[in-house]
Amino acid sequence: EQIEKGYFEIRKVQEHFQKKDGKPVFLKGSA
């Protein structure tokens, strides 16, 4: 369960940074 939880958290972060929104990756984190 802990492995699956970690996997889904990593997947969520990867999807956030790989979105095609025109921003460079170094600006996608936060304010």
Full PDB file with SEQRES, HELIX, SHEET, SSBOND, CRYST1, ORIGX, SCALE, CONECT and MASTER records, all heavy atoms in Angstrom:
SEQRES   1 A   31  GLU GLN ILE GLU LYS GLY TYR PHE GLU ILE ARG LYS VAL          
SEQRES   2 A   31  GLN GLU HIS PHE GLN LYS LYS ASP GLY LYS PRO VAL PHE          
SEQRES   3 A   31  LEU LYS GLY SER ALA                                          
HELIX    1 AA1 GLN A    2  GLN A   18  1                                  17    
HELIX    2 AA2 VAL A   25  LEU A   27  5                                   3    
CRYST1    1.000    1.000    1.000  90.00  90.00  90.00 P 1           1          
ORIGX1      1.000000  0.000000  0.000000        0.00000                         
ORIGX2      0.000000  1.000000  0.000000        0.00000                         
ORIGX3      0.000000  0.000000  1.000000        0.00000                         
SCALE1      1.000000  0.000000  0.000000        0.00000                         
SCALE2      0.000000  1.000000  0.000000        0.00000                         
SCALE3      0.000000  0.000000  1.000000        0.00000                         
ATOM      1  N   GLU A   1       0.837  -1.209   0.000  1.00  0.00           N  
ATOM      2  CA  GLU A   1       0.000   0.000   0.000  1.00  0.00           C  
ATOM      3  C   GLU A   1       0.867   1.253   0.000  1.00  0.00           C  
ATOM      4  O   GLU A   1       0.558   2.236  -0.668  1.00  0.00           O  
ATOM      5  CB  GLU A   1      -0.930   0.027   1.223  1.00  0.00           C  
ATOM      6  CG  GLU A   1      -1.924  -1.113   1.291  1.00  0.00           C  
ATOM      7  CD  GLU A   1      -1.336  -2.376   1.896  1.00  0.00           C  
ATOM      8  OE1 GLU A   1      -0.392  -2.289   2.708  1.00  0.00           O  
ATOM      9  OE2 GLU A   1      -1.812  -3.467   1.546  1.00  0.00           O  
ATOM     10  N   GLN A   2       1.966   1.203   0.745  1.00  0.00           N  
ATOM     11  CA  GLN A   2       2.851   2.358   0.813  1.00  0.00           C  
ATOM     12  C   GLN A   2       3.546   2.575  -0.529  1.00  0.00           C  
ATOM     13  O   GLN A   2       3.734   3.708  -0.953  1.00  0.00           O  
ATOM     14  CB  GLN A   2       3.871   2.161   1.926  1.00  0.00           C  
ATOM     15  CG  GLN A   2       4.658   3.400   2.245  1.00  0.00           C  
ATOM     16  CD  GLN A   2       5.558   3.193   3.452  1.00  0.00           C  
ATOM     17  OE1 GLN A   2       5.634   2.106   4.006  1.00  0.00           O  
ATOM     18  NE2 GLN A   2       6.242   4.242   3.837  1.00  0.00           N  
ATOM     19  N   ILE A   3       3.909   1.512  -1.206  1.00  0.00           N  
ATOM     20  CA  ILE A   3       4.535   1.618  -2.523  1.00  0.00           C  
ATOM     21  C   ILE A   3       3.547   2.218  -3.511  1.00  0.00           C  
ATOM     22  O   ILE A   3       3.888   3.123  -4.275  1.00  0.00           O  
ATOM     23  CB  ILE A   3       5.034   0.236  -3.006  1.00  0.00           C  
ATOM     24  CG1 ILE A   3       6.187  -0.239  -2.135  1.00  0.00           C  
ATOM     25  CG2 ILE A   3       5.463   0.295  -4.466  1.00  0.00           C  
ATOM     26  CD1 ILE A   3       6.627  -1.649  -2.406  1.00  0.00           C  
ATOM     27  N   GLU A   4       2.305   1.726  -3.515  1.00  0.00           N  
ATOM     28  CA  GLU A   4       1.301   2.243  -4.445  1.00  0.00           C  
ATOM     29  C   GLU A   4       0.996   3.705  -4.166  1.00  0.00           C  
ATOM     30  O   GLU A   4       0.841   4.500  -5.091  1.00  0.00           O  
ATOM     31  CB  GLU A   4       0.027   1.409  -4.355  1.00  0.00           C  
ATOM     32  CG  GLU A   4       0.183   0.021  -4.921  1.00  0.00           C  
ATOM     33  CD  GLU A   4      -1.043  -0.847  -4.723  1.00  0.00           C  
ATOM     34  OE1 GLU A   4      -2.005  -0.392  -4.065  1.00  0.00           O  
ATOM     35  OE2 GLU A   4      -1.035  -1.978  -5.226  1.00  0.00           O  
ATOM     36  N   LYS A   5       0.933   4.091  -2.900  1.00  0.00           N  
ATOM     37  CA  LYS A   5       0.663   5.472  -2.541  1.00  0.00           C  
ATOM     38  C   LYS A   5       1.785   6.375  -3.070  1.00  0.00           C  
ATOM     39  O   LYS A   5       1.530   7.419  -3.663  1.00  0.00           O  
ATOM     40  CB  LYS A   5       0.541   5.611  -1.023  1.00  0.00           C  
ATOM     41  CG  LYS A   5       0.279   7.014  -0.569  1.00  0.00           C  
ATOM     42  CD  LYS A   5       0.219   7.101   0.941  1.00  0.00           C  
ATOM     43  CE  LYS A   5       0.094   8.551   1.363  1.00  0.00           C  
ATOM     44  NZ  LYS A   5       0.327   8.711   2.786  1.00  0.00           N  
ATOM     45  N   GLY A   6       3.016   5.964  -2.855  1.00  0.00           N  
ATOM     46  CA  GLY A   6       4.153   6.735  -3.349  1.00  0.00           C  
ATOM     47  C   GLY A   6       4.167   6.828  -4.864  1.00  0.00           C  
ATOM     48  O   GLY A   6       4.477   7.879  -5.428  1.00  0.00           O  
ATOM     49  N   TYR A   7       3.809   5.729  -5.530  1.00  0.00           N  
ATOM     50  CA  TYR A   7       3.767   5.719  -6.987  1.00  0.00           C  
ATOM     51  C   TYR A   7       2.749   6.726  -7.501  1.00  0.00           C  
ATOM     52  O   TYR A   7       3.034   7.495  -8.421  1.00  0.00           O  
ATOM     53  CB  TYR A   7       3.426   4.317  -7.496  1.00  0.00           C  
ATOM     54  CG  TYR A   7       3.163   4.267  -8.980  1.00  0.00           C  
ATOM     55  CD1 TYR A   7       4.214   4.295  -9.885  1.00  0.00           C  
ATOM     56  CD2 TYR A   7       1.864   4.222  -9.477  1.00  0.00           C  
ATOM     57  CE1 TYR A   7       3.988   4.272 -11.242  1.00  0.00           C  
ATOM     58  CE2 TYR A   7       1.624   4.195 -10.834  1.00  0.00           C  
ATOM     59  CZ  TYR A   7       2.687   4.213 -11.702  1.00  0.00           C  
ATOM     60  OH  TYR A   7       2.450   4.190 -13.056  1.00  0.00           O  
ATOM     61  N   PHE A   8       1.572   6.756  -6.897  1.00  0.00           N  
ATOM     62  CA  PHE A   8       0.532   7.670  -7.375  1.00  0.00           C  
ATOM     63  C   PHE A   8       0.889   9.122  -7.076  1.00  0.00           C  
ATOM     64  O   PHE A   8       0.557  10.017  -7.850  1.00  0.00           O  
ATOM     65  CB  PHE A   8      -0.831   7.298  -6.783  1.00  0.00           C  
ATOM     66  CG  PHE A   8      -1.388   6.039  -7.380  1.00  0.00           C  
ATOM     67  CD1 PHE A   8      -1.670   4.946  -6.581  1.00  0.00           C  
ATOM     68  CD2 PHE A   8      -1.615   5.932  -8.737  1.00  0.00           C  
ATOM     69  CE1 PHE A   8      -2.167   3.777  -7.125  1.00  0.00           C  
ATOM     70  CE2 PHE A   8      -2.113   4.770  -9.296  1.00  0.00           C  
ATOM     71  CZ  PHE A   8      -2.401   3.682  -8.486  1.00  0.00           C  
ATOM     72  N   GLU A   9       1.573   9.375  -5.962  1.00  0.00           N  
ATOM     73  CA  GLU A   9       2.024  10.733  -5.669  1.00  0.00           C  
ATOM     74  C   GLU A   9       3.052  11.196  -6.700  1.00  0.00           C  
ATOM     75  O   GLU A   9       2.996  12.329  -7.177  1.00  0.00           O  
ATOM     76  CB  GLU A   9       2.626  10.807  -4.271  1.00  0.00           C  
ATOM     77  CG  GLU A   9       1.596  10.719  -3.162  1.00  0.00           C  
ATOM     78  CD  GLU A   9       2.225  10.683  -1.784  1.00  0.00           C  
ATOM     79  OE1 GLU A   9       3.466  10.840  -1.680  1.00  0.00           O  
ATOM     80  OE2 GLU A   9       1.482  10.487  -0.816  1.00  0.00           O  
ATOM     81  N   ILE A  10       3.983  10.331  -7.049  1.00  0.00           N  
ATOM     82  CA  ILE A  10       4.988  10.663  -8.054  1.00  0.00           C  
ATOM     83  C   ILE A  10       4.327  10.889  -9.409  1.00  0.00           C  
ATOM     84  O   ILE A  10       4.655  11.827 -10.136  1.00  0.00           O  
ATOM     85  CB  ILE A  10       6.064   9.562  -8.139  1.00  0.00           C  
ATOM     86  CG1 ILE A  10       6.898   9.575  -6.869  1.00  0.00           C  
ATOM     87  CG2 ILE A  10       6.950   9.753  -9.360  1.00  0.00           C  
ATOM     88  CD1 ILE A  10       7.856   8.419  -6.746  1.00  0.00           C  
ATOM     89  N   ARG A  11       3.363  10.047  -9.764  1.00  0.00           N  
ATOM     90  CA  ARG A  11       2.644  10.204 -11.034  1.00  0.00           C  
ATOM     91  C   ARG A  11       1.932  11.555 -11.092  1.00  0.00           C  
ATOM     92  O   ARG A  11       1.916  12.221 -12.126  1.00  0.00           O  
ATOM     93  CB  ARG A  11       1.589   9.116 -11.166  1.00  0.00           C  
ATOM     94  CG  ARG A  11       1.737   7.977 -12.113  1.00  0.00           C  
ATOM     95  CD  ARG A  11       2.659   8.126 -13.227  1.00  0.00           C  
ATOM     96  NE  ARG A  11       1.940   8.488 -14.431  1.00  0.00           N  
ATOM     97  CZ  ARG A  11       2.509   9.022 -15.492  1.00  0.00           C  
ATOM     98  NH1 ARG A  11       3.787   9.248 -15.523  1.00  0.00           N  
ATOM     99  NH2 ARG A  11       1.816   9.331 -16.542  1.00  0.00           N  
ATOM    100  N   LYS A  12       1.327  11.952  -9.967  1.00  0.00           N  
ATOM    101  CA  LYS A  12       0.604  13.226  -9.907  1.00  0.00           C  
ATOM    102  C   LYS A  12       1.558  14.393 -10.142  1.00  0.00           C  
ATOM    103  O   LYS A  12       1.257  15.316 -10.898  1.00  0.00           O  
ATOM    104  CB  LYS A  12      -0.075  13.347  -8.546  1.00  0.00           C  
ATOM    105  CG  LYS A  12      -0.932  14.551  -8.360  1.00  0.00           C  
ATOM    106  CD  LYS A  12      -1.602  14.483  -6.990  1.00  0.00           C  
ATOM    107  CE  LYS A  12      -2.046  15.840  -6.554  1.00  0.00           C  
ATOM    108  NZ  LYS A  12      -2.580  15.843  -5.199  1.00  0.00           N  
ATOM    109  N   VAL A  13       2.726  14.358  -9.505  1.00  0.00           N  
ATOM    110  CA  VAL A  13       3.721  15.420  -9.674  1.00  0.00           C  
ATOM    111  C   VAL A  13       4.235  15.433 -11.116  1.00  0.00           C  
ATOM    112  O   VAL A  13       4.389  16.500 -11.727  1.00  0.00           O  
ATOM    113  CB  VAL A  13       4.871  15.245  -8.671  1.00  0.00           C  
ATOM    114  CG1 VAL A  13       6.018  16.189  -8.966  1.00  0.00           C  
ATOM    115  CG2 VAL A  13       4.372  15.446  -7.262  1.00  0.00           C  
ATOM    116  N   GLN A  14       4.475  14.254 -11.690  1.00  0.00           N  
ATOM    117  CA  GLN A  14       4.942  14.183 -13.070  1.00  0.00           C  
ATOM    118  C   GLN A  14       3.923  14.781 -14.028  1.00  0.00           C  
ATOM    119  O   GLN A  14       4.284  15.525 -14.945  1.00  0.00           O  
ATOM    120  CB  GLN A  14       5.226  12.735 -13.462  1.00  0.00           C  
ATOM    121  CG  GLN A  14       6.498  12.189 -12.888  1.00  0.00           C  
ATOM    122  CD  GLN A  14       6.701  10.723 -13.255  1.00  0.00           C  
ATOM    123  OE1 GLN A  14       5.771  10.030 -13.631  1.00  0.00           O  
ATOM    124  NE2 GLN A  14       7.928  10.259 -13.131  1.00  0.00           N  
ATOM    125  N   GLU A  15       2.657  14.469 -13.832  1.00  0.00           N  
ATOM    126  CA  GLU A  15       1.620  15.011 -14.702  1.00  0.00           C  
ATOM    127  C   GLU A  15       1.556  16.533 -14.583  1.00  0.00           C  
ATOM    128  O   GLU A  15       1.353  17.230 -15.568  1.00  0.00           O  
ATOM    129  CB  GLU A  15       0.264  14.388 -14.364  1.00  0.00           C  
ATOM    130  CG  GLU A  15       0.141  12.946 -14.804  1.00  0.00           C  
ATOM    131  CD  GLU A  15      -1.135  12.284 -14.310  1.00  0.00           C  
ATOM    132  OE1 GLU A  15      -1.957  12.959 -13.655  1.00  0.00           O  
ATOM    133  OE2 GLU A  15      -1.299  11.079 -14.571  1.00  0.00           O  
ATOM    134  N   HIS A  16       1.728  17.051 -13.363  1.00  0.00           N  
ATOM    135  CA  HIS A  16       1.713  18.502 -13.169  1.00  0.00           C  
ATOM    136  C   HIS A  16       2.838  19.173 -13.954  1.00  0.00           C  
ATOM    137  O   HIS A  16       2.621  20.193 -14.605  1.00  0.00           O  
ATOM    138  CB  HIS A  16       1.838  18.831 -11.683  1.00  0.00           C  
ATOM    139  CG  HIS A  16       2.027  20.292 -11.404  1.00  0.00           C  
ATOM    140  ND1 HIS A  16       1.003  21.204 -11.550  1.00  0.00           N  
ATOM    141  CD2 HIS A  16       3.111  20.993 -11.007  1.00  0.00           C  
ATOM    142  CE1 HIS A  16       1.457  22.409 -11.254  1.00  0.00           C  
ATOM    143  NE2 HIS A  16       2.733  22.305 -10.914  1.00  0.00           N  
ATOM    144  N   PHE A  17       4.035  18.610 -13.902  1.00  0.00           N  
ATOM    145  CA  PHE A  17       5.176  19.226 -14.569  1.00  0.00           C  
ATOM    146  C   PHE A  17       5.196  18.967 -16.070  1.00  0.00           C  
ATOM    147  O   PHE A  17       5.875  19.677 -16.799  1.00  0.00           O  
ATOM    148  CB  PHE A  17       6.490  18.760 -13.933  1.00  0.00           C  
ATOM    149  CG  PHE A  17       6.812  19.477 -12.663  1.00  0.00           C  
ATOM    150  CD1 PHE A  17       6.512  18.924 -11.433  1.00  0.00           C  
ATOM    151  CD2 PHE A  17       7.398  20.726 -12.695  1.00  0.00           C  
ATOM    152  CE1 PHE A  17       6.797  19.597 -10.260  1.00  0.00           C  
ATOM    153  CE2 PHE A  17       7.691  21.411 -11.526  1.00  0.00           C  
ATOM    154  CZ  PHE A  17       7.389  20.838 -10.306  1.00  0.00           C  
ATOM    155  N   GLN A  18       4.464  17.969 -16.565  1.00  0.00           N  
ATOM    156  CA  GLN A  18       4.463  17.657 -17.987  1.00  0.00           C  
ATOM    157  C   GLN A  18       3.272  18.248 -18.725  1.00  0.00           C  
ATOM    158  O   GLN A  18       3.124  18.028 -19.922  1.00  0.00           O  
ATOM    159  CB  GLN A  18       4.507  16.142 -18.184  1.00  0.00           C  
ATOM    160  CG  GLN A  18       5.831  15.550 -17.746  1.00  0.00           C  
ATOM    161  CD  GLN A  18       5.837  14.034 -17.843  1.00  0.00           C  
ATOM    162  OE1 GLN A  18       4.830  13.408 -18.126  1.00  0.00           O  
ATOM    163  NE2 GLN A  18       6.989  13.450 -17.590  1.00  0.00           N  
ATOM    164  N   LYS A  19       2.428  19.023 -18.032  1.00  0.00           N  
ATOM    165  CA  LYS A  19       1.294  19.671 -18.691  1.00  0.00           C  
ATOM    166  C   LYS A  19       1.788  20.601 -19.781  1.00  0.00           C  
ATOM    167  O   LYS A  19       2.785  21.286 -19.625  1.00  0.00           O  
ATOM    168  CB  LYS A  19       0.484  20.504 -17.689  1.00  0.00           C  
ATOM    169  CG  LYS A  19      -0.675  19.815 -17.089  1.00  0.00           C  
ATOM    170  CD  LYS A  19      -1.578  20.773 -16.361  1.00  0.00           C  
ATOM    171  CE  LYS A  19      -0.907  21.341 -15.135  1.00  0.00           C  
ATOM    172  NZ  LYS A  19      -1.770  22.098 -14.254  1.00  0.00           N  
ATOM    173  N   LYS A  20       1.060  20.644 -20.896  1.00  0.00           N  
ATOM    174  CA  LYS A  20       1.399  21.538 -21.998  1.00  0.00           C  
ATOM    175  C   LYS A  20       0.674  22.862 -21.770  1.00  0.00           C  
ATOM    176  O   LYS A  20      -0.411  23.082 -22.283  1.00  0.00           O  
ATOM    177  CB  LYS A  20       0.967  20.922 -23.325  1.00  0.00           C  
ATOM    178  CG  LYS A  20       1.590  19.589 -23.611  1.00  0.00           C  
ATOM    179  CD  LYS A  20       2.661  19.739 -24.633  1.00  0.00           C  
ATOM    180  CE  LYS A  20       3.166  18.367 -25.005  1.00  0.00           C  
ATOM    181  NZ  LYS A  20       4.558  18.297 -25.182  1.00  0.00           N  
ATOM    182  N   ASP A  21       1.261  23.737 -20.958  1.00  0.00           N  
ATOM    183  CA  ASP A  21       0.638  25.030 -20.696  1.00  0.00           C  
ATOM    184  C   ASP A  21       1.509  26.191 -21.142  1.00  0.00           C  
ATOM    185  O   ASP A  21       1.208  27.343 -20.862  1.00  0.00           O  
ATOM    186  CB  ASP A  21       0.266  25.169 -19.218  1.00  0.00           C  
ATOM    187  CG  ASP A  21       1.450  24.997 -18.295  1.00  0.00           C  
ATOM    188  OD1 ASP A  21       2.566  24.775 -18.779  1.00  0.00           O  
ATOM    189  OD2 ASP A  21       1.250  25.089 -17.068  1.00  0.00           O  
ATOM    190  N   GLY A  22       2.595  25.914 -21.832  1.00  0.00           N  
ATOM    191  CA  GLY A  22       3.453  26.959 -22.358  1.00  0.00           C  
ATOM    192  C   GLY A  22       4.488  27.493 -21.384  1.00  0.00           C  
ATOM    193  O   GLY A  22       5.316  28.299 -21.750  1.00  0.00           O  
ATOM    194  N   LYS A  23       4.442  27.068 -20.124  1.00  0.00           N  
ATOM    195  CA  LYS A  23       5.415  27.523 -19.135  1.00  0.00           C  
ATOM    196  C   LYS A  23       6.644  26.623 -19.170  1.00  0.00           C  
ATOM    197  O   LYS A  23       6.526  25.415 -19.357  1.00  0.00           O  
ATOM    198  CB  LYS A  23       4.833  27.452 -17.720  1.00  0.00           C  
ATOM    199  CG  LYS A  23       3.803  28.469 -17.392  1.00  0.00           C  
ATOM    200  CD  LYS A  23       3.410  28.307 -15.922  1.00  0.00           C  
ATOM    201  CE  LYS A  23       2.347  29.254 -15.507  1.00  0.00           C  
ATOM    202  NZ  LYS A  23       1.961  29.049 -14.106  1.00  0.00           N  
ATOM    203  N   PRO A  24       7.821  27.197 -18.954  1.00  0.00           N  
ATOM    204  CA  PRO A  24       9.001  26.341 -18.798  1.00  0.00           C  
ATOM    205  C   PRO A  24       8.921  25.571 -17.481  1.00  0.00           C  
ATOM    206  O   PRO A  24       8.265  26.009 -16.537  1.00  0.00           O  
ATOM    207  CB  PRO A  24      10.171  27.330 -18.801  1.00  0.00           C  
ATOM    208  CG  PRO A  24       9.590  28.660 -18.563  1.00  0.00           C  
ATOM    209  CD  PRO A  24       8.148  28.609 -18.941  1.00  0.00           C  
ATOM    210  N   VAL A  25       9.589  24.456 -17.420  1.00  0.00           N  
ATOM    211  CA  VAL A  25       9.461  23.559 -16.270  1.00  0.00           C  
ATOM    212  C   VAL A  25       9.945  24.219 -14.978  1.00  0.00           C  
ATOM    213  O   VAL A  25       9.440  23.923 -13.899  1.00  0.00           O  
ATOM    214  CB  VAL A  25      10.191  22.221 -16.537  1.00  0.00           C  
ATOM    215  CG1 VAL A  25      11.690  22.406 -16.530  1.00  0.00           C  
ATOM    216  CG2 VAL A  25       9.793  21.175 -15.533  1.00  0.00           C  
ATOM    217  N   PHE A  26      10.880  25.156 -15.069  1.00  0.00           N  
ATOM    218  CA  PHE A  26      11.392  25.765 -13.843  1.00  0.00           C  
ATOM    219  C   PHE A  26      10.438  26.804 -13.266  1.00  0.00           C  
ATOM    220  O   PHE A  26      10.688  27.339 -12.196  1.00  0.00           O  
ATOM    221  CB  PHE A  26      12.781  26.375 -14.063  1.00  0.00           C  
ATOM    222  CG  PHE A  26      12.887  27.316 -15.225  1.00  0.00           C  
ATOM    223  CD1 PHE A  26      12.566  28.653 -15.085  1.00  0.00           C  
ATOM    224  CD2 PHE A  26      13.309  26.855 -16.452  1.00  0.00           C  
ATOM    225  CE1 PHE A  26      12.673  29.518 -16.148  1.00  0.00           C  
ATOM    226  CE2 PHE A  26      13.417  27.713 -17.524  1.00  0.00           C  
ATOM    227  CZ  PHE A  26      13.097  29.048 -17.373  1.00  0.00           C  
ATOM    228  N   LEU A  27       9.326  27.097 -13.943  1.00  0.00           N  
ATOM    229  CA  LEU A  27       8.325  28.009 -13.409  1.00  0.00           C  
ATOM    230  C   LEU A  27       7.024  27.310 -13.028  1.00  0.00           C  
ATOM    231  O   LEU A  27       6.075  27.950 -12.602  1.00  0.00           O  
ATOM    232  CB  LEU A  27       8.011  29.110 -14.428  1.00  0.00           C  
ATOM    233  CG  LEU A  27       9.126  30.086 -14.728  1.00  0.00           C  
ATOM    234  CD1 LEU A  27       8.692  31.060 -15.803  1.00  0.00           C  
ATOM    235  CD2 LEU A  27       9.547  30.824 -13.486  1.00  0.00           C  
ATOM    236  N   LYS A  28       6.966  26.010 -13.182  1.00  0.00           N  
ATOM    237  CA  LYS A  28       5.726  25.280 -12.921  1.00  0.00           C  
ATOM    238  C   LYS A  28       5.531  24.903 -11.462  1.00  0.00           C  
ATOM    239  O   LYS A  28       4.471  24.449 -11.079  1.00  0.00           O  
ATOM    240  CB  LYS A  28       5.673  24.004 -13.766  1.00  0.00           C  
ATOM    241  CG  LYS A  28       5.443  24.273 -15.223  1.00  0.00           C  
ATOM    242  CD  LYS A  28       5.256  22.999 -15.979  1.00  0.00           C  
ATOM    243  CE  LYS A  28       5.023  23.282 -17.444  1.00  0.00           C  
ATOM    244  NZ  LYS A  28       4.717  22.078 -18.184  1.00  0.00           N  
ATOM    245  N   GLY A  29       6.528  25.092 -10.623  1.00  0.00           N  
ATOM    246  CA  GLY A  29       6.444  24.650  -9.235  1.00  0.00           C  
ATOM    247  C   GLY A  29       5.434  25.423  -8.417  1.00  0.00           C  
ATOM    248  O   GLY A  29       4.379  24.920  -8.059  1.00  0.00           O  
ATOM    249  N   SER A  30       5.723  26.679  -8.129  1.00  0.00           N  
ATOM    250  CA  SER A  30       4.830  27.491  -7.306  1.00  0.00           C  
ATOM    251  C   SER A  30       5.175  28.955  -7.526  1.00  0.00           C  
ATOM    252  O   SER A  30       6.004  29.298  -8.363  1.00  0.00           O  
ATOM    253  CB  SER A  30       4.978  27.123  -5.835  1.00  0.00           C  
ATOM    254  OG  SER A  30       6.270  27.471  -5.373  1.00  0.00           O  
ATOM    255  N   ALA A  31       4.557  29.822  -6.742  1.00  0.00           N  
ATOM    256  CA  ALA A  31       4.828  31.255  -6.839  1.00  0.00           C  
ATOM    257  C   ALA A  31       6.268  31.557  -6.416  1.00  0.00           C  
ATOM    258  O   ALA A  31       6.869  32.520  -6.897  1.00  0.00           O  
ATOM    259  CB  ALA A  31       3.845  32.024  -5.974  1.00  0.00           C  
TER     260      ALA A  31                                                      
MASTER        0    0    0    2    0    0    0    6  259    1    0    3          
END                                                                             
